[in-house]
Amino acid sequence: MPTTPSAAFHSSRESPAPVTDLPSPTHHYSLGQRCRSLYHELGYRLSERVRWSRRPYHEVPVERLTDLASWQTALIDRLQARYEIRFESRYGQHTSLANYAYLDLLDQAWTSTGRTIPRSGLVTDVGCANFWYARTLHRFFRPATLTGVDVEGFRLYPTGYSRYDAAAGYIADLPHTSFAIANYCERNEQVDVITAWFPFVTPAPVLAWRLPLTVFSPERLFARIARNLAPGGTFVMVNQGTEEAAIAADYCRRVGLHSQGEWMHPRPLRPRPHPPVASWWTA
């Protein structure tokens, strides 16, 4: 894990992980996967039992972004003007660029497809890690409430702060915004918008993020999303590349979610091995 001031906390599932395994109804795992899962299970259970926390962590603002190509600078200038936001005044370079990349994806996906942005509703983000992009979701959806949910809340970073500390810092001044440590498969709610950035739909990324396979249950996850989506609500999902998007879409259809279209980013602000694919679903 990176140890620079901002990158050390930029723990999310947006980092690329190769899709090397396809899901099966019974999820048969190799011996190596089971051993790695057991190792991660011990660390996961220990961190959740100890629940280490110091205080909310706030990044040192970089103030000015550097080492950008001219097209990146132009794109960020447009986002700043349209959404009246400067992430670099709050975060380090790494987190600032990542937020602009997420905001750009949302902006272009909705604009390119002519969609109306759902505003002033109840919004839940599934698998938010430390919710470093909460401000992006808040600025784009302008929700009545915003909740980030993640199954792991007390992973310890090299700085000595926990994921909970980082999340507390990222949402500190955002109104009606919260961070919930929970298995979303067991969460019962009715919300207008559910977002999921690069959800786990194959085992390999779960292990890459040092989580046990006991938390990997895409069938239950998507079934819960379908149940928790209010009538007329929207589930927004972003996947890594067309192959992963197809796997995720199959899970959506299995639980009765209905596709409202998809969009692939032609040129992400931050280069990626697989182009992000956004899709929209209704219950």
Protein backbone atom coordinates (compact mmCIF):
# COMPACT_ATOMS: atom_id res chain seq x y z
CA MET A 1 0.00 0.00 0.00
CA PRO A 2 1.35 3.48 -0.78
CA THR A 3 2.57 5.47 2.20
CA THR A 4 2.42 9.04 0.92
CA PRO A 5 0.17 11.25 3.12
CA SER A 6 -2.87 11.09 0.85
CA ALA A 7 -2.29 7.83 -0.99
CA ALA A 8 -2.02 5.93 2.27
CA PHE A 9 -5.70 6.59 2.86
CA HIS A 10 -6.87 6.24 -0.71
CA SER A 11 -7.99 2.67 -0.11
CA SER A 12 -10.86 1.95 -2.46
CA ARG A 13 -11.94 -0.68 -4.92
CA GLU A 14 -11.32 1.57 -7.87
CA SER A 15 -7.77 0.28 -8.37
CA PRO A 16 -7.54 -2.25 -11.19
CA ALA A 17 -7.53 -5.94 -10.43
CA PRO A 18 -7.41 -8.40 -13.33
CA VAL A 19 -10.47 -10.50 -13.97
CA THR A 20 -9.01 -13.97 -14.06
CA ASP A 21 -11.87 -16.07 -12.75
CA LEU A 22 -15.52 -16.36 -13.64
CA PRO A 23 -18.26 -16.87 -11.06
CA SER A 24 -19.99 -20.17 -10.61
CA PRO A 25 -23.15 -20.91 -8.66
CA THR A 26 -21.20 -22.78 -5.98
CA HIS A 27 -18.03 -20.65 -6.01
CA HIS A 28 -15.44 -23.39 -5.90
CA TYR A 29 -12.10 -22.03 -4.69
CA SER A 30 -8.62 -23.38 -5.16
CA LEU A 31 -6.47 -24.45 -2.22
CA GLY A 32 -4.36 -21.34 -2.64
CA GLN A 33 -7.44 -19.10 -2.57
CA ARG A 34 -8.74 -20.81 0.54
CA CYS A 35 -5.39 -20.40 2.33
CA ARG A 36 -5.17 -16.72 1.42
CA SER A 37 -8.77 -16.24 2.51
CA LEU A 38 -8.08 -17.81 5.89
CA TYR A 39 -5.08 -15.53 6.41
CA HIS A 40 -7.13 -12.45 5.53
CA GLU A 41 -9.97 -13.67 7.74
CA LEU A 42 -7.69 -13.57 10.78
CA GLY A 43 -6.59 -10.00 10.09
CA TYR A 44 -10.12 -8.89 9.29
CA ARG A 45 -11.63 -10.38 12.45
CA LEU A 46 -8.83 -8.98 14.60
CA SER A 47 -9.20 -5.44 13.27
CA GLU A 48 -12.97 -5.49 13.74
CA ARG A 49 -12.59 -6.81 17.27
CA VAL A 50 -9.91 -4.30 18.33
CA ARG A 51 -11.65 -1.38 16.55
CA TRP A 52 -8.60 0.87 16.69
CA SER A 53 -9.36 4.56 16.31
CA ARG A 54 -7.46 7.74 17.04
CA ARG A 55 -9.37 10.73 15.69
CA PRO A 56 -10.70 11.91 12.33
CA TYR A 57 -7.90 12.13 9.79
CA HIS A 58 -7.68 15.13 7.47
CA GLU A 59 -5.34 15.21 4.50
CA VAL A 60 -2.91 18.05 3.98
CA PRO A 61 -4.23 19.99 0.97
CA VAL A 62 -1.91 20.09 -2.02
CA GLU A 63 -3.53 23.40 -3.09
CA ARG A 64 -2.17 23.12 -6.64
CA LEU A 65 -2.20 20.04 -8.88
CA THR A 66 1.00 19.28 -10.77
CA ASP A 67 2.32 16.99 -13.51
CA LEU A 68 -0.88 17.05 -15.54
CA ALA A 69 -1.28 16.88 -19.30
CA SER A 70 -2.96 19.85 -20.93
CA TRP A 71 -6.17 17.89 -21.62
CA GLN A 72 -6.35 16.83 -17.95
CA THR A 73 -5.97 20.43 -16.81
CA ALA A 74 -8.68 21.56 -19.22
CA LEU A 75 -11.04 18.83 -18.05
CA ILE A 76 -10.48 19.64 -14.38
CA ASP A 77 -11.01 23.36 -15.07
CA ARG A 78 -14.37 22.52 -16.65
CA LEU A 79 -15.40 20.36 -13.68
CA GLN A 80 -14.37 23.06 -11.24
CA ALA A 81 -16.47 25.63 -13.04
CA ARG A 82 -19.51 23.40 -13.48
CA TYR A 83 -19.60 21.96 -9.96
CA GLU A 84 -17.93 24.84 -8.07
CA ILE A 85 -15.45 22.61 -6.33
CA ARG A 86 -11.67 22.40 -5.84
CA PHE A 87 -10.66 19.08 -4.34
CA GLU A 88 -7.02 20.17 -4.09
CA SER A 89 -7.99 22.73 -1.46
CA ARG A 90 -8.96 19.83 0.82
CA TYR A 91 -6.94 16.80 -0.24
CA GLY A 92 -3.53 15.72 -1.43
CA GLN A 93 -2.73 15.24 -5.11
CA HIS A 94 -3.67 11.55 -5.25
CA THR A 95 -7.11 11.87 -3.65
CA SER A 96 -7.87 15.09 -5.51
CA LEU A 97 -7.23 13.53 -8.91
CA ALA A 98 -9.20 10.43 -7.96
CA ASN A 99 -12.19 12.57 -6.99
CA TYR A 100 -12.01 14.52 -10.23
CA ALA A 101 -11.88 11.21 -12.10
CA TYR A 102 -15.04 9.96 -10.38
CA LEU A 103 -16.82 13.28 -10.88
CA ASP A 104 -15.81 13.30 -14.54
CA LEU A 105 -17.18 9.79 -15.03
CA LEU A 106 -20.52 10.71 -13.47
CA ASP A 107 -20.69 13.97 -15.39
CA GLN A 108 -19.89 12.48 -18.77
CA ALA A 109 -22.01 9.35 -18.27
CA TRP A 110 -25.14 11.36 -17.50
CA THR A 111 -24.47 14.06 -20.08
CA SER A 112 -23.63 11.64 -22.90
CA THR A 113 -26.78 9.60 -22.35
CA GLY A 114 -29.10 12.57 -21.79
CA ARG A 115 -30.18 11.43 -18.35
CA THR A 116 -31.71 13.54 -15.61
CA ILE A 117 -29.63 13.46 -12.45
CA PRO A 118 -31.72 12.23 -9.47
CA ARG A 119 -31.46 15.00 -6.89
CA SER A 120 -32.51 15.52 -3.26
CA GLY A 121 -33.07 11.82 -2.62
CA LEU A 122 -31.73 9.23 -0.21
CA VAL A 123 -28.41 7.90 -1.56
CA THR A 124 -26.39 4.89 -0.38
CA ASP A 125 -22.98 3.92 -1.70
CA VAL A 126 -22.13 0.22 -1.36
CA GLY A 127 -18.53 -0.83 -0.66
CA CYS A 128 -17.24 2.68 -0.03
CA ALA A 129 -13.90 1.72 1.64
CA ASN A 130 -13.00 4.88 3.60
CA PHE A 131 -15.43 6.98 1.56
CA TRP A 132 -12.74 9.28 0.15
CA TYR A 133 -15.14 10.19 -2.72
CA ALA A 134 -18.08 11.19 -0.51
CA ARG A 135 -17.69 14.83 -1.56
CA THR A 136 -17.96 13.86 -5.23
CA LEU A 137 -21.24 12.01 -4.66
CA HIS A 138 -22.53 14.84 -2.50
CA ARG A 139 -21.78 17.48 -5.11
CA PHE A 140 -23.18 15.44 -8.02
CA PHE A 141 -26.40 14.07 -6.51
CA ARG A 142 -26.99 16.82 -3.91
CA PRO A 143 -28.76 14.21 -1.74
CA ALA A 144 -31.05 14.67 1.21
CA THR A 145 -28.92 12.01 2.92
CA LEU A 146 -25.77 10.19 1.83
CA THR A 147 -24.55 6.97 3.45
CA GLY A 148 -21.40 5.03 2.67
CA VAL A 149 -21.46 1.37 3.68
CA ASP A 150 -18.47 -0.95 3.94
CA VAL A 151 -18.01 -4.33 5.56
CA GLU A 152 -14.59 -3.39 6.94
CA GLY A 153 -14.21 -0.36 9.17
CA PHE A 154 -11.03 -0.65 11.18
CA ARG A 155 -8.26 -1.64 8.81
CA LEU A 156 -5.09 0.01 10.10
CA TYR A 157 -3.08 2.17 7.69
CA PRO A 158 0.71 2.66 7.85
CA THR A 159 0.12 6.09 9.41
CA GLY A 160 -1.46 4.55 12.48
CA TYR A 161 -4.95 5.75 11.59
CA SER A 162 -7.78 3.35 10.82
CA ARG A 163 -10.23 3.29 7.93
CA TYR A 164 -12.85 4.62 10.34
CA ASP A 165 -10.61 7.62 11.16
CA ALA A 166 -10.12 8.37 7.47
CA ALA A 167 -13.83 8.10 6.70
CA ALA A 168 -14.66 10.39 9.63
CA GLY A 169 -12.33 13.00 8.17
CA TYR A 170 -13.67 12.73 4.63
CA ILE A 171 -17.30 13.23 5.68
CA ALA A 172 -16.68 15.62 8.60
CA ASP A 173 -18.22 18.75 7.05
CA LEU A 174 -20.69 17.13 4.66
CA PRO A 175 -24.30 17.62 5.81
CA HIS A 176 -26.50 14.57 6.36
CA THR A 177 -23.63 12.20 5.45
CA SER A 178 -22.63 9.09 7.37
CA PHE A 179 -20.31 6.09 7.23
CA ALA A 180 -21.76 2.72 8.25
CA ILE A 181 -19.71 -0.38 9.01
CA ALA A 182 -21.94 -3.24 7.95
CA ASN A 183 -22.38 -6.12 5.57
CA TYR A 184 -24.71 -4.57 3.01
CA CYS A 185 -26.24 -7.98 2.36
CA GLU A 186 -27.88 -7.62 5.78
CA ARG A 187 -28.89 -3.96 5.50
CA ASN A 188 -32.60 -3.20 5.25
CA GLU A 189 -33.53 0.22 3.87
CA GLN A 190 -35.45 1.97 1.11
CA VAL A 191 -33.44 4.55 -0.82
CA ASP A 192 -33.76 6.42 -4.09
CA VAL A 193 -30.24 5.92 -5.42
CA ILE A 194 -27.74 3.13 -4.78
CA THR A 195 -24.23 3.42 -6.18
CA ALA A 196 -21.53 0.77 -6.38
CA TRP A 197 -18.05 1.51 -7.69
CA PHE A 198 -16.29 -1.62 -8.90
CA PRO A 199 -18.19 -4.09 -6.71
CA PHE A 200 -16.69 -7.53 -6.20
CA VAL A 201 -18.18 -9.92 -8.75
CA THR A 202 -15.27 -12.41 -8.93
CA PRO A 203 -13.12 -13.79 -6.09
CA ALA A 204 -9.71 -12.51 -7.25
CA PRO A 205 -10.26 -8.81 -6.37
CA VAL A 206 -11.60 -9.79 -2.93
CA LEU A 207 -8.32 -11.47 -2.08
CA ALA A 208 -6.33 -8.67 -3.72
CA TRP A 209 -7.97 -6.29 -1.26
CA ARG A 210 -6.97 -8.58 1.61
CA LEU A 211 -10.49 -9.58 2.48
CA PRO A 212 -11.69 -13.13 3.24
CA LEU A 213 -13.90 -14.94 0.77
CA THR A 214 -16.53 -15.24 3.49
CA VAL A 215 -17.59 -11.68 2.60
CA PHE A 216 -17.89 -12.53 -1.10
CA SER A 217 -21.51 -13.21 -1.95
CA PRO A 218 -22.52 -11.35 -5.12
CA GLU A 219 -25.86 -13.16 -5.36
CA ARG A 220 -26.90 -11.89 -1.92
CA LEU A 221 -25.44 -8.44 -2.55
CA PHE A 222 -27.37 -7.77 -5.74
CA ALA A 223 -30.53 -9.31 -4.31
CA ARG A 224 -30.30 -6.90 -1.37
CA ILE A 225 -29.71 -3.96 -3.72
CA ALA A 226 -32.86 -4.92 -5.63
CA ARG A 227 -34.88 -5.13 -2.39
CA ASN A 228 -33.53 -1.85 -0.99
CA LEU A 229 -34.15 0.22 -4.11
CA ALA A 230 -37.29 2.33 -3.71
CA PRO A 231 -39.92 2.26 -6.49
CA GLY A 232 -38.67 4.47 -9.27
CA GLY A 233 -35.17 4.45 -7.80
CA THR A 234 -31.89 3.97 -9.66
CA PHE A 235 -28.98 1.63 -9.09
CA VAL A 236 -25.79 3.03 -10.62
CA MET A 237 -22.88 0.63 -11.05
CA VAL A 238 -19.36 1.13 -12.38
CA ASN A 239 -17.28 -1.87 -13.45
CA GLN A 240 -13.77 -2.41 -14.72
CA GLY A 241 -14.01 -3.17 -18.41
CA THR A 242 -16.63 -4.92 -20.49
CA GLU A 243 -15.89 -8.43 -19.21
CA GLU A 244 -16.48 -7.54 -15.57
CA ALA A 245 -19.49 -5.42 -16.55
CA ALA A 246 -21.04 -8.43 -18.29
CA ILE A 247 -20.57 -10.60 -15.19
CA ALA A 248 -22.10 -7.93 -12.96
CA ALA A 249 -24.99 -7.41 -15.38
CA ASP A 250 -25.79 -11.10 -15.25
CA TYR A 251 -26.07 -10.93 -11.46
CA CYS A 252 -28.36 -7.89 -11.80
CA ARG A 253 -30.69 -9.68 -14.20
CA ARG A 254 -30.80 -12.78 -12.00
CA VAL A 255 -32.27 -10.76 -9.10
CA GLY A 256 -34.83 -8.95 -11.26
CA LEU A 257 -33.07 -5.65 -11.87
CA HIS A 258 -33.84 -4.09 -15.25
CA SER A 259 -31.17 -2.47 -17.40
CA GLN A 260 -31.57 1.17 -18.34
CA GLY A 261 -28.43 1.27 -20.46
CA GLU A 262 -24.68 1.45 -20.07
CA TRP A 263 -21.85 3.77 -21.04
CA MET A 264 -18.10 3.19 -21.37
CA HIS A 265 -15.69 6.01 -20.66
CA PRO A 266 -13.63 6.75 -23.81
CA ARG A 267 -10.78 8.53 -22.01
CA PRO A 268 -10.66 8.39 -18.18
CA LEU A 269 -8.98 11.28 -16.42
CA ARG A 270 -6.65 8.78 -14.79
CA PRO A 271 -5.35 6.03 -17.13
CA ARG A 272 -6.72 2.56 -16.39
CA PRO A 273 -5.93 -0.91 -17.78
CA HIS A 274 -9.67 -1.46 -18.32
CA PRO A 275 -12.08 1.34 -19.28
CA PRO A 276 -14.74 1.98 -16.64
CA VAL A 277 -18.25 0.98 -17.66
CA ALA A 278 -21.22 2.69 -16.02
CA SER A 279 -24.67 1.15 -16.06
CA TRP A 280 -28.10 2.08 -14.75
CA TRP A 281 -30.68 -0.31 -13.30
CA THR A 282 -34.18 -0.19 -11.82
CA ALA A 283 -35.99 -2.66 -9.62
